[in-house]
Protein backbone atom coordinates (compact mmCIF):
# COMPACT_ATOMS: atom_id res chain seq x y z
CA MET A 1 15.90 -10.11 -7.95
CA SER A 2 13.37 -7.86 -9.80
CA VAL A 3 10.06 -9.30 -11.08
CA PRO A 4 10.67 -11.30 -14.25
CA GLY A 5 9.23 -9.56 -17.58
CA LYS A 6 8.95 -6.40 -16.00
CA SER A 7 11.35 -4.14 -18.40
CA ARG A 8 8.39 -1.54 -19.25
CA PRO A 9 5.75 0.35 -16.95
CA VAL A 10 3.12 -2.04 -15.57
CA SER A 11 -0.36 -0.87 -16.73
CA VAL A 12 -3.98 -1.54 -15.64
CA PRO A 13 -4.57 -3.99 -18.94
CA ASN A 14 -1.26 -5.71 -17.68
CA ILE A 15 -2.68 -6.55 -14.14
CA ILE A 16 -5.96 -7.76 -15.63
CA ALA A 17 -4.51 -9.97 -17.97
CA ARG A 18 -2.29 -11.68 -14.93
CA LYS A 19 -5.78 -13.40 -13.60
CA GLY A 20 -4.92 -17.16 -13.26
CA GLY A 21 -1.20 -16.35 -14.02
CA ALA A 22 1.96 -15.48 -12.18
CA PRO A 23 1.11 -14.31 -8.88
CA LEU A 24 1.04 -10.40 -8.40
CA VAL A 25 3.54 -8.73 -6.41
CA CYS A 26 2.20 -5.57 -4.03
CA LEU A 27 3.47 -3.45 -1.26
CA THR A 28 2.90 -0.21 0.27
CA ALA A 29 5.34 2.99 -0.14
CA TYR A 30 4.88 6.23 1.47
CA THR A 31 8.22 7.99 0.41
CA THR A 32 10.27 7.91 -2.25
CA PRO A 33 13.58 6.02 -0.83
CA VAL A 34 11.14 2.81 0.16
CA ALA A 35 8.98 3.65 -3.28
CA LYS A 36 12.21 2.89 -5.21
CA LEU A 37 12.95 -0.13 -3.24
CA CYS A 38 9.58 -1.57 -3.94
CA ASP A 39 9.35 -0.56 -7.66
CA ALA A 40 12.44 -2.92 -8.25
CA HIS A 41 10.52 -6.23 -7.12
CA CYS A 42 6.66 -5.51 -7.38
CA ASP A 43 4.08 -5.16 -9.91
CA ILE A 44 1.97 -2.58 -8.05
CA VAL A 45 3.10 0.10 -5.28
CA LEU A 46 -0.01 0.95 -3.15
CA VAL A 47 0.17 4.42 -1.14
CA GLY A 48 -2.15 2.83 1.40
CA ASP A 49 -4.05 5.31 3.96
CA SER A 50 -2.42 2.87 6.52
CA VAL A 51 0.14 6.06 6.20
CA GLY A 52 -1.84 7.56 8.99
CA MET A 53 -1.08 4.71 11.23
CA VAL A 54 2.10 3.86 10.20
CA LEU A 55 4.04 7.33 9.71
CA HIS A 56 1.63 9.78 11.34
CA GLY A 57 0.94 7.68 14.48
CA LEU A 58 -2.89 7.76 14.11
CA PRO A 59 -5.11 5.23 15.75
CA SER A 60 -7.00 4.20 12.86
CA THR A 61 -6.99 4.95 9.01
CA LEU A 62 -10.07 7.26 9.79
CA GLY A 63 -8.11 10.53 10.06
CA VAL A 64 -6.30 10.44 7.00
CA THR A 65 -6.64 13.25 4.55
CA MET A 66 -6.67 13.86 0.97
CA GLU A 67 -3.90 16.31 1.60
CA MET A 68 -1.77 13.42 3.15
CA MET A 69 -2.58 10.94 0.36
CA VAL A 70 -1.63 13.77 -2.30
CA LEU A 71 1.71 14.50 -0.20
CA HIS A 72 2.96 10.81 0.27
CA GLY A 73 1.58 9.87 -3.58
CA LYS A 74 3.83 12.45 -4.55
CA ALA A 75 6.79 10.84 -3.13
CA ALA A 76 6.01 7.52 -3.90
CA ARG A 77 5.81 8.56 -7.30
CA ARG A 78 9.09 10.19 -7.50
CA GLY A 79 10.70 6.59 -6.82
CA VAL A 80 8.52 4.62 -9.31
CA GLU A 81 9.51 3.80 -12.61
CA THR A 82 7.82 0.64 -13.58
CA ALA A 83 5.43 -0.61 -11.06
CA LEU A 84 1.64 0.53 -11.23
CA LEU A 85 1.27 2.99 -8.64
CA VAL A 86 -2.40 3.07 -6.65
CA ILE A 87 -3.47 5.39 -4.39
CA ASP A 88 -6.07 4.81 -1.48
CA MET A 89 -8.90 7.18 -1.47
CA PRO A 90 -9.22 8.07 2.21
CA PHE A 91 -12.33 8.06 4.34
CA GLY A 92 -15.07 10.63 3.42
CA SER A 93 -13.91 11.32 -0.06
CA TYR A 94 -15.96 9.31 -2.13
CA GLU A 95 -18.95 7.73 -0.24
CA GLU A 96 -21.07 10.84 -0.23
CA THR A 97 -21.88 10.59 -4.19
CA PRO A 98 -19.95 9.45 -7.13
CA GLU A 99 -19.58 12.98 -8.48
CA GLN A 100 -17.74 13.79 -4.83
CA ALA A 101 -15.53 10.38 -5.68
CA PHE A 102 -14.64 11.53 -9.18
CA ARG A 103 -13.64 14.99 -8.23
CA ASN A 104 -11.39 13.45 -5.18
CA ALA A 105 -10.15 10.80 -7.89
CA ALA A 106 -9.14 13.27 -10.62
CA ARG A 107 -7.46 15.27 -8.06
CA LEU A 108 -5.54 12.33 -6.34
CA MET A 109 -4.53 11.24 -10.55
CA ALA A 110 -3.65 14.86 -11.65
CA GLU A 111 -1.74 15.85 -8.85
CA THR A 112 0.50 12.73 -8.09
CA GLY A 113 0.68 11.07 -11.44
CA CYS A 114 -0.75 7.65 -10.20
CA ALA A 115 -2.12 5.17 -12.70
CA ALA A 116 -5.26 4.16 -10.44
CA VAL A 117 -7.18 4.29 -7.34
CA LYS A 118 -8.22 2.38 -4.53
CA LEU A 119 -11.51 2.38 -2.49
CA GLU A 120 -13.31 0.36 0.02
CA GLY A 121 -16.81 -1.43 0.17
CA GLY A 122 -18.85 -3.88 -2.10
CA GLU A 123 -22.22 -3.77 -3.11
CA SER A 124 -22.52 -0.11 -1.63
CA MET A 125 -20.08 1.22 -4.09
CA ARG A 126 -20.94 -0.46 -7.20
CA GLU A 127 -22.30 2.80 -8.73
CA THR A 128 -19.44 4.89 -7.68
CA ILE A 129 -16.83 2.43 -9.24
CA ARG A 130 -19.30 2.25 -12.71
CA PHE A 131 -19.06 5.92 -12.66
CA LEU A 132 -15.43 6.39 -12.18
CA THR A 133 -14.44 3.69 -14.73
CA ALA A 134 -17.01 5.12 -17.17
CA ARG A 135 -14.88 8.29 -16.95
CA GLY A 136 -11.47 6.89 -17.18
CA ILE A 137 -10.13 6.28 -13.46
CA PRO A 138 -9.20 2.74 -12.99
CA VAL A 139 -10.60 1.45 -9.70
CA MET A 140 -8.97 -1.34 -7.33
CA GLY A 141 -11.82 -2.49 -5.04
CA HIS A 142 -11.25 -3.73 -1.47
CA VAL A 143 -13.84 -6.20 0.19
CA GLY A 144 -13.69 -8.20 3.71
CA LEU A 145 -12.56 -6.43 6.39
CA THR A 146 -12.40 -2.71 5.46
CA PRO A 147 -10.61 -0.54 8.02
CA GLN A 148 -12.44 2.72 7.01
CA ALA A 149 -15.49 0.84 8.56
CA VAL A 150 -13.62 -0.70 11.56
CA ASN A 151 -16.11 1.26 14.02
CA ALA A 152 -19.06 -1.08 12.06
CA PHE A 153 -17.40 -4.17 12.35
CA GLY A 154 -16.43 -3.29 15.92
CA GLY A 155 -12.76 -4.21 15.55
CA TYR A 156 -10.01 -5.89 13.39
CA LYS A 157 -12.12 -8.90 12.96
CA VAL A 158 -11.62 -11.61 10.23
CA GLN A 159 -14.48 -11.73 7.83
CA GLY A 160 -16.52 -14.15 5.82
CA ARG A 161 -17.39 -16.88 8.80
CA GLY A 162 -21.16 -18.44 9.13
CA GLU A 163 -23.49 -15.89 7.31
CA GLY A 164 -21.06 -13.27 6.37
CA ALA A 165 -19.24 -15.10 3.48
CA GLU A 166 -22.26 -14.75 1.40
CA ARG A 167 -22.10 -10.66 1.86
CA ILE A 168 -18.41 -10.81 0.87
CA ARG A 169 -19.27 -12.86 -2.13
CA ARG A 170 -21.81 -10.37 -2.92
CA ASP A 171 -19.53 -7.62 -2.48
CA ALA A 172 -16.70 -9.02 -4.31
CA ARG A 173 -19.00 -9.82 -7.35
CA ALA A 174 -20.46 -6.22 -7.18
CA VAL A 175 -17.01 -4.54 -7.25
CA ALA A 176 -16.07 -6.76 -10.06
CA GLU A 177 -19.06 -6.07 -12.12
CA ALA A 178 -18.74 -2.54 -11.79
CA GLY A 179 -15.45 -2.46 -13.59
CA ALA A 180 -13.03 -2.64 -10.83
CA PHE A 181 -9.50 -4.12 -12.44
CA ALA A 182 -8.76 -5.87 -9.38
CA VAL A 183 -9.85 -6.56 -5.73
CA VAL A 184 -8.13 -6.62 -2.42
CA LEU A 185 -9.33 -9.41 0.08
CA GLU A 186 -8.60 -8.49 3.57
CA LYS A 187 -8.99 -10.57 6.19
CA VAL A 188 -10.90 -12.97 4.84
CA THR A 189 -11.43 -16.91 5.62
CA GLU A 190 -9.11 -19.19 3.46
CA PRO A 191 -11.58 -21.12 1.91
CA LEU A 192 -13.73 -18.14 1.24
CA ALA A 193 -10.71 -15.96 -0.46
CA ARG A 194 -10.22 -19.24 -2.62
CA SER A 195 -13.68 -19.80 -3.73
CA ILE A 196 -14.02 -15.97 -4.48
CA THR A 197 -10.99 -15.92 -6.70
CA GLN A 198 -12.00 -18.59 -8.79
CA GLU A 199 -15.82 -16.76 -9.29
CA ILE A 200 -14.41 -13.19 -10.13
CA PRO A 201 -13.08 -12.66 -13.17
CA VAL A 202 -10.16 -9.66 -12.36
CA PRO A 203 -7.21 -10.66 -10.22
CA THR A 204 -7.67 -10.71 -6.08
CA ILE A 205 -5.00 -9.22 -4.22
CA GLY A 206 -4.84 -10.95 -0.74
CA ILE A 207 -3.78 -9.63 2.81
CA GLY A 208 -4.74 -12.12 5.32
CA ALA A 209 -6.85 -14.00 3.01
CA SER A 210 -5.29 -17.17 0.74
CA PRO A 211 -2.30 -17.90 -1.04
CA ALA A 212 -4.82 -19.09 -4.27
CA CYS A 213 -5.50 -15.35 -4.62
CA ASP A 214 -3.84 -14.03 -7.86
CA GLY A 215 -1.58 -11.75 -5.85
CA GLN A 216 -0.68 -10.28 -2.47
CA VAL A 217 0.20 -7.22 -0.12
CA LEU A 218 1.50 -6.33 2.69
CA VAL A 219 2.08 -3.08 4.72
CA VAL A 220 5.90 -2.82 4.02
CA ASP A 221 6.81 -1.69 7.66
CA ASP A 222 4.74 -4.51 8.93
CA MET A 223 7.02 -7.29 6.43
CA LEU A 224 10.45 -5.15 7.40
CA GLY A 225 9.66 -5.67 10.99
CA MET A 226 9.64 -2.00 11.63
CA PHE A 227 7.30 -2.50 14.54
CA SER A 228 7.56 -4.41 17.97
CA ASP A 229 4.38 -4.32 19.35
CA PHE A 230 2.09 -4.85 16.21
CA ARG A 231 2.14 -8.28 14.69
CA PRO A 232 -1.05 -9.64 12.87
CA LYS A 233 -0.96 -13.37 12.15
CA PHE A 234 -0.99 -12.61 8.76
CA VAL A 235 1.95 -10.40 8.41
CA LYS A 236 5.52 -12.57 7.76
CA ARG A 237 8.38 -10.63 9.06
CA TYR A 238 11.48 -10.71 6.28
CA ALA A 239 13.64 -8.77 8.50
CA GLU A 240 13.79 -7.25 12.11
CA LEU A 241 14.73 -3.83 10.59
CA GLY A 242 12.95 -1.84 13.99
CA SER A 243 15.27 -4.07 16.61
CA GLU A 244 18.29 -3.31 14.34
CA ALA A 245 17.67 0.12 14.18
CA ASP A 246 17.14 0.35 17.93
CA ALA A 247 20.28 -1.30 18.47
CA ALA A 248 22.22 1.03 16.20
CA ILE A 249 20.35 4.42 17.93
CA GLU A 250 21.37 2.69 21.12
CA SER A 251 25.28 2.79 19.99
CA TYR A 252 24.85 6.21 18.64
CA ALA A 253 23.64 7.90 21.70
CA GLU A 254 26.52 5.73 24.07
CA GLU A 255 29.22 6.96 21.59
CA VAL A 256 27.98 10.62 21.39
CA ALA A 257 27.73 10.51 25.41
CA ALA A 258 31.18 8.96 25.89
CA ARG A 259 32.92 11.58 22.88
CA ARG A 260 33.69 8.57 20.80
CA PHE A 261 31.58 9.73 18.16
CA PRO A 262 32.74 12.12 16.05
CA GLY A 263 35.99 10.64 15.73
CA GLY A 264 38.81 11.97 13.82
CA GLU A 265 37.84 10.78 10.14
CA HIS A 266 34.26 12.70 10.63
CA VAL A 267 35.80 15.90 10.94
CA PHE A 268 37.29 18.64 8.63
CA VAL A 269 40.77 19.83 9.40
CA GLU A 270 41.68 23.57 8.16
CA ALA A 271 43.52 23.27 4.74
CA ALA A 272 47.21 24.54 4.38
CA PRO A 273 47.41 27.63 2.31
CA GLY A 274 47.25 26.89 -1.46
CA ALA A 275 46.19 23.40 -0.80
CA SER A 276 43.12 22.05 -2.64
CA VAL A 277 40.57 20.54 -0.57
CA GLY A 278 37.69 18.05 -1.38
CA GLY A 279 35.23 16.00 -0.03
CA ASN A 280 33.38 18.71 2.18
CA ARG A 281 30.07 17.29 2.06
């Protein structure tokens, strides 16, 4: 079933207008086939820097490069027709100066055709977000647990407990005031995420946050159950494709080893003289 009312491309103003309305549906995608599947059901398709861990086997998102984001952004663009395509700016591509951020954000948009970029950070990114949005680059913010700062946090820890709550509240306000059209709240305590959603004027998109957020996002491979050894509390498995794929590959290996595959229906015979031969894919 597709998202109701999504008959034309989703724009940044469409997303802003959904504040307090029907929840925004968002998933990550890094390839054309998966982006096409997500596009049919999502308002936002995010090419996350999580691609480094999900598809490239990196231990964190810190090793992701601009070239990787451009490559996967182009792939996702080929599968997206109506959803808003947003691409993460990788670590080191925007923190130095607003001018550096503009050059790299402009490159992402020009080379991939995405509609917006996402960057991590709160008050420290206020001027950068303001600089980008003033120059026509829509920005999605990201506060709470920001994976690119995992070393500073000392791990992927829940944020917003105790004195940390006020810091995250300030970060969310700063990002919204600077012009971000939406803010991702990651791994933030539920009451705090609920409160921030009520306080800021732009949509919040939760991941491990609150059902009260204006939308939700998950890494598509997580919700499809592609991994058996990684299952955060905030991820709901809607399928177990990893175990199904493992069983299928095992069956294939057994049939090849036993010479049961390929069978007669999978090979081609020599045609009789003058006969028409088709289906030789």
